[in-house]
C-alpha atoms as a PDB file:
ATOM      1  CA  MET A   1     -28.376  36.690 -32.895  1.00  0.00           C
ATOM      2  CA  LYS A   2     -29.016  33.102 -31.890  1.00  0.00           C
ATOM      3  CA  LYS A   3     -25.378  32.198 -32.612  1.00  0.00           C
ATOM      4  CA  VAL A   4     -24.149  35.065 -30.442  1.00  0.00           C
ATOM      5  CA  PHE A   5     -26.219  33.920 -27.471  1.00  0.00           C
ATOM      6  CA  LEU A   6     -25.149  30.312 -27.926  1.00  0.00           C
ATOM      7  CA  THR A   7     -21.507  31.369 -28.138  1.00  0.00           C
ATOM      8  CA  MET A   8     -21.818  33.529 -25.040  1.00  0.00           C
ATOM      9  CA  ALA A   9     -23.605  30.714 -23.170  1.00  0.00           C
ATOM     10  CA  ALA A  10     -20.875  28.238 -24.125  1.00  0.00           C
ATOM     11  CA  VAL A  11     -18.146  30.655 -23.021  1.00  0.00           C
ATOM     12  CA  ALA A  12     -19.980  31.293 -19.733  1.00  0.00           C
ATOM     13  CA  MET A  13     -20.294  27.545 -19.068  1.00  0.00           C
ATOM     14  CA  ILE A  14     -16.617  26.957 -19.795  1.00  0.00           C
ATOM     15  CA  PHE A  15     -15.682  29.840 -17.528  1.00  0.00           C
ATOM     16  CA  ALA A  16     -17.955  28.657 -14.720  1.00  0.00           C
ATOM     17  CA  THR A  17     -16.692  25.077 -14.767  1.00  0.00           C
ATOM     18  CA  SER A  18     -13.019  25.971 -15.078  1.00  0.00           C
ATOM     19  CA  CYS A  19     -13.028  28.053 -11.884  1.00  0.00           C
ATOM     20  CA  LYS A  20     -13.831  25.145  -9.554  1.00  0.00           C
ATOM     21  CA  LYS A  21     -10.864  24.536  -7.251  1.00  0.00           C
ATOM     22  CA  GLU A  22     -10.625  21.273  -5.307  1.00  0.00           C
ATOM     23  CA  THR A  23      -7.683  20.104  -3.254  1.00  0.00           C
ATOM     24  CA  THR A  24      -7.174  17.095  -1.031  1.00  0.00           C
ATOM     25  CA  GLU A  25      -4.253  16.768   1.307  1.00  0.00           C
ATOM     26  CA  SER A  26      -2.957  13.793   3.265  1.00  0.00           C
ATOM     27  CA  THR A  27      -0.635  14.596   6.093  1.00  0.00           C
ATOM     28  CA  PRO A  28       2.454  12.541   6.800  1.00  0.00           C
ATOM     29  CA  GLU A  29       1.321  12.157  10.409  1.00  0.00           C
ATOM     30  CA  GLU A  30      -1.788  10.206   9.322  1.00  0.00           C
ATOM     31  CA  VAL A  31       0.275   7.754   7.293  1.00  0.00           C
ATOM     32  CA  VAL A  32       2.885   7.335  10.022  1.00  0.00           C
ATOM     33  CA  THR A  33       0.185   6.806  12.653  1.00  0.00           C
ATOM     34  CA  THR A  34      -1.366   4.051  10.533  1.00  0.00           C
ATOM     35  CA  VAL A  35       1.987   2.306  10.073  1.00  0.00           C
ATOM     36  CA  GLU A  36       2.831   2.642  13.771  1.00  0.00           C
ATOM     37  CA  ASN A  37      -0.532   1.132  14.743  1.00  0.00           C
ATOM     38  CA  GLU A  38      -0.011  -1.876  12.485  1.00  0.00           C
ATOM     39  CA  VAL A  39       3.529  -2.443  13.723  1.00  0.00           C
ATOM     40  CA  SER A  40       2.565  -1.984  17.366  1.00  0.00           C
ATOM     41  CA  GLU A  41       0.038  -4.826  17.022  1.00  0.00           C
ATOM     42  CA  GLY A  42       2.943  -7.190  16.269  1.00  0.00           C
ATOM     43  CA  ALA A  43       4.898  -5.835  19.231  1.00  0.00           C
ATOM     44  CA  ASP A  44       1.818  -6.298  21.430  1.00  0.00           C
ATOM     45  CA  ALA A  45       1.617  -9.957  20.387  1.00  0.00           C
ATOM     46  CA  LEU A  46       5.275 -10.452  21.352  1.00  0.00           C
ATOM     47  CA  GLU A  47       4.679  -8.712  24.665  1.00  0.00           C
ATOM     48  CA  ALA A  48       1.729 -11.018  25.341  1.00  0.00           C
ATOM     49  CA  SER A  49       3.940 -13.995  24.513  1.00  0.00           C
ATOM     50  CA  TYR A  50       6.561 -12.722  26.964  1.00  0.00           C
ATOM     51  CA  ASN A  51       3.958 -12.225  29.713  1.00  0.00           C
ATOM     52  CA  GLU A  52       2.628 -15.738  29.102  1.00  0.00           C
ATOM     53  CA  ALA A  53       6.167 -17.168  29.377  1.00  0.00           C
ATOM     54  CA  VAL A  54       6.675 -15.317  32.672  1.00  0.00           C
ATOM     55  CA  ALA A  55       3.412 -16.767  34.019  1.00  0.00           C
ATOM     56  CA  LYS A  56       4.517 -20.284  33.045  1.00  0.00           C
ATOM     57  CA  LEU A  57       7.886 -19.692  34.737  1.00  0.00           C
ATOM     58  CA  GLU A  58       6.113 -18.745  37.964  1.00  0.00           C
ATOM     59  CA  GLU A  59       3.980 -21.892  37.724  1.00  0.00           C
ATOM     60  CA  ALA A  60       7.110 -23.983  37.232  1.00  0.00           C
ATOM     61  CA  LYS A  61       8.756 -22.376  40.278  1.00  0.00           C
ATOM     62  CA  LYS A  62       5.670 -23.082  42.392  1.00  0.00           C
ATOM     63  CA  SER A  63       5.585 -26.709  41.295  1.00  0.00           C
ATOM     64  CA  GLY A  64       9.241 -27.149  42.261  1.00  0.00           C
ATOM     65  CA  ASP A  65      10.150 -28.993  39.035  1.00  0.00           C
ATOM     66  CA  LYS A  66      13.692 -27.852  38.188  1.00  0.00           C
ATOM     67  CA  GLU A  67      13.574 -29.136  34.604  1.00  0.00           C
ATOM     68  CA  ALA A  68      10.303 -27.288  33.880  1.00  0.00           C
ATOM     69  CA  GLU A  69      11.707 -24.190  35.580  1.00  0.00           C
ATOM     70  CA  LYS A  70      14.818 -24.298  33.384  1.00  0.00           C
ATOM     71  CA  LEU A  71      12.754 -24.666  30.187  1.00  0.00           C
ATOM     72  CA  ALA A  72      10.382 -21.895  31.270  1.00  0.00           C
ATOM     73  CA  GLN A  73      13.327 -19.571  32.026  1.00  0.00           C
ATOM     74  CA  GLU A  74      14.735 -20.232  28.538  1.00  0.00           C
ATOM     75  CA  ALA A  75      11.317 -19.456  27.037  1.00  0.00           C
ATOM     76  CA  VAL A  76      11.142 -16.198  29.035  1.00  0.00           C
ATOM     77  CA  ASP A  77      14.620 -15.172  27.894  1.00  0.00           C
ATOM     78  CA  SER A  78      13.807 -15.975  24.283  1.00  0.00           C
ATOM     79  CA  ALA A  79      10.470 -14.135  24.374  1.00  0.00           C
ATOM     80  CA  LYS A  80      12.029 -11.095  26.064  1.00  0.00           C
ATOM     81  CA  SER A  81      14.814 -10.981  23.483  1.00  0.00           C
ATOM     82  CA  ALA A  82      12.333 -11.221  20.598  1.00  0.00           C
ATOM     83  CA  TRP A  83      10.140  -8.530  22.127  1.00  0.00           C
ATOM     84  CA  GLU A  84      13.027  -6.098  22.675  1.00  0.00           C
ATOM     85  CA  THR A  85      14.391  -6.730  19.179  1.00  0.00           C
ATOM     86  CA  ALA A  86      10.946  -6.133  17.691  1.00  0.00           C
ATOM     87  CA  LYS A  87      10.555  -2.889  19.645  1.00  0.00           C
ATOM     88  CA  ALA A  88      13.922  -1.622  18.389  1.00  0.00           C
ATOM     89  CA  LYS A  89      13.143  -2.623  14.798  1.00  0.00           C
ATOM     90  CA  THR A  90       9.685  -1.057  15.083  1.00  0.00           C
ATOM     91  CA  GLU A  91      11.100   2.284  16.170  1.00  0.00           C
ATOM     92  CA  GLU A  92      13.693   2.160  13.412  1.00  0.00           C
ATOM     93  CA  ALA A  93      11.109   1.271  10.762  1.00  0.00           C
ATOM     94  CA  ALA A  94       8.675   3.920  11.983  1.00  0.00           C
ATOM     95  CA  ASN A  95      11.373   6.584  11.772  1.00  0.00           C
ATOM     96  CA  ASP A  96      12.311   5.452   8.265  1.00  0.00           C
ATOM     97  CA  VAL A  97       8.672   5.472   7.165  1.00  0.00           C
ATOM     98  CA  LYS A  98       8.052   8.881   8.707  1.00  0.00           C
ATOM     99  CA  GLU A  99      11.101  10.333   6.971  1.00  0.00           C
ATOM    100  CA  GLY A 100      10.096   8.788   3.644  1.00  0.00           C
ATOM    101  CA  VAL A 101       6.521  10.021   3.917  1.00  0.00           C
ATOM    102  CA  GLU A 102       7.640  13.528   4.802  1.00  0.00           C
ATOM    103  CA  ASN A 103       9.970  13.589   1.786  1.00  0.00           C
ATOM    104  CA  ALA A 104       7.204  12.285  -0.460  1.00  0.00           C
ATOM    105  CA  ALA A 105       4.755  14.843   0.938  1.00  0.00           C
ATOM    106  CA  ASP A 106       7.207  17.644   0.194  1.00  0.00           C
ATOM    107  CA  ASP A 107       7.632  16.382  -3.369  1.00  0.00           C
ATOM    108  CA  VAL A 108       3.869  16.147  -3.842  1.00  0.00           C
ATOM    109  CA  LYS A 109       3.363  19.660  -2.476  1.00  0.00           C
ATOM    110  CA  GLN A 110       5.922  21.026  -4.907  1.00  0.00           C
ATOM    111  CA  GLU A 111       4.279  19.217  -7.832  1.00  0.00           C
ATOM    112  CA  LEU A 112       0.824  20.409  -6.743  1.00  0.00           C
ATOM    113  CA  LYS A 113       2.096  23.977  -6.508  1.00  0.00           C
ATOM    114  CA  LYS A 114       3.575  23.720 -10.002  1.00  0.00           C
ATOM    115  CA  ALA A 115       0.379  22.171 -11.375  1.00  0.00           C
ATOM    116  CA  SER A 116      -1.717  24.835  -9.652  1.00  0.00           C
ATOM    117  CA  ASP A 117       0.404  27.575 -11.191  1.00  0.00           C
ATOM    118  CA  ASP A 118       0.072  25.946 -14.626  1.00  0.00           C
ATOM    119  CA  VAL A 119      -3.685  25.636 -14.236  1.00  0.00           C
ATOM    120  CA  GLN A 120      -3.975  29.241 -13.093  1.00  0.00           C
ATOM    121  CA  GLU A 121      -1.975  30.372 -16.105  1.00  0.00           C
ATOM    122  CA  SER A 122      -4.154  28.273 -18.418  1.00  0.00           C
ATOM    123  CA  VAL A 123      -7.342  29.644 -16.847  1.00  0.00           C
ATOM    124  CA  THR A 124      -6.118  33.203 -17.278  1.00  0.00           C
ATOM    125  CA  LYS A 125      -5.284  32.538 -20.919  1.00  0.00           C
ATOM    126  CA  ALA A 126      -8.638  30.809 -21.463  1.00  0.00           C
ATOM    127  CA  LYS A 127     -10.444  33.812 -19.970  1.00  0.00           C
ATOM    128  CA  GLU A 128      -8.597  36.139 -22.295  1.00  0.00           C
ATOM    129  CA  ASP A 129      -9.334  33.910 -25.288  1.00  0.00           C
ATOM    130  CA  ALA A 130     -12.999  33.657 -24.266  1.00  0.00           C
ATOM    131  CA  LYS A 131     -13.305  37.440 -23.919  1.00  0.00           C
ATOM    132  CA  LYS A 132     -11.669  37.885 -27.298  1.00  0.00           C
ATOM    133  CA  GLY A 133     -14.010  35.286 -28.830  1.00  0.00           C
ATOM    134  CA  VAL A 134     -17.077  36.971 -27.356  1.00  0.00           C
ATOM    135  CA  ASN A 135     -15.915  40.403 -28.489  1.00  0.00           C
ATOM    136  CA  ASP A 136     -15.206  39.068 -31.988  1.00  0.00           C
ATOM    137  CA  ALA A 137     -18.644  37.456 -32.100  1.00  0.00           C
ATOM    138  CA  LEU A 138     -20.282  40.693 -30.948  1.00  0.00           C
ATOM    139  CA  ASP A 139     -18.332  42.715 -33.510  1.00  0.00           C
ATOM    140  CA  LYS A 140     -19.387  40.316 -36.292  1.00  0.00           C
ATOM    141  CA  ALA A 141     -22.995  40.496 -35.092  1.00  0.00           C
ATOM    142  CA  LYS A 142     -22.895  44.311 -35.145  1.00  0.00           C
ATOM    143  CA  ILE A 143     -21.467  44.362 -38.641  1.00  0.00           C
ATOM    144  CA  LYS A 144     -24.266  42.222 -40.050  1.00  0.00           C
END
């Protein structure tokens, strides 16, 4: 009788622990937002550099020094070009990352679905095996 109760307790514990379902999901939007934030910090630094160059150009114009004005204008042009190039590259990279993350998320969802189906099938089979084991144990206990 003791063996029957221990067997039933073991089967009940296996059944109880195998039914726990946990899922975690990361959305592509979260990943893309993180990448965009990091990239935008670089673009912000270039924008600040451009604004600083413009301020120095205005100072040079006020001072009336033509040589300083020419150098400041070149710095403004260079900073503006770098900033615009960075913005274009940032948008391009963000789109590429977003597309890649969405494709990866789709692949992960398909694999999770397949794994979930496999687990469900295994749980169903384990339940059937456990019921059969309990019934066999009860039948053996009745015979003795």
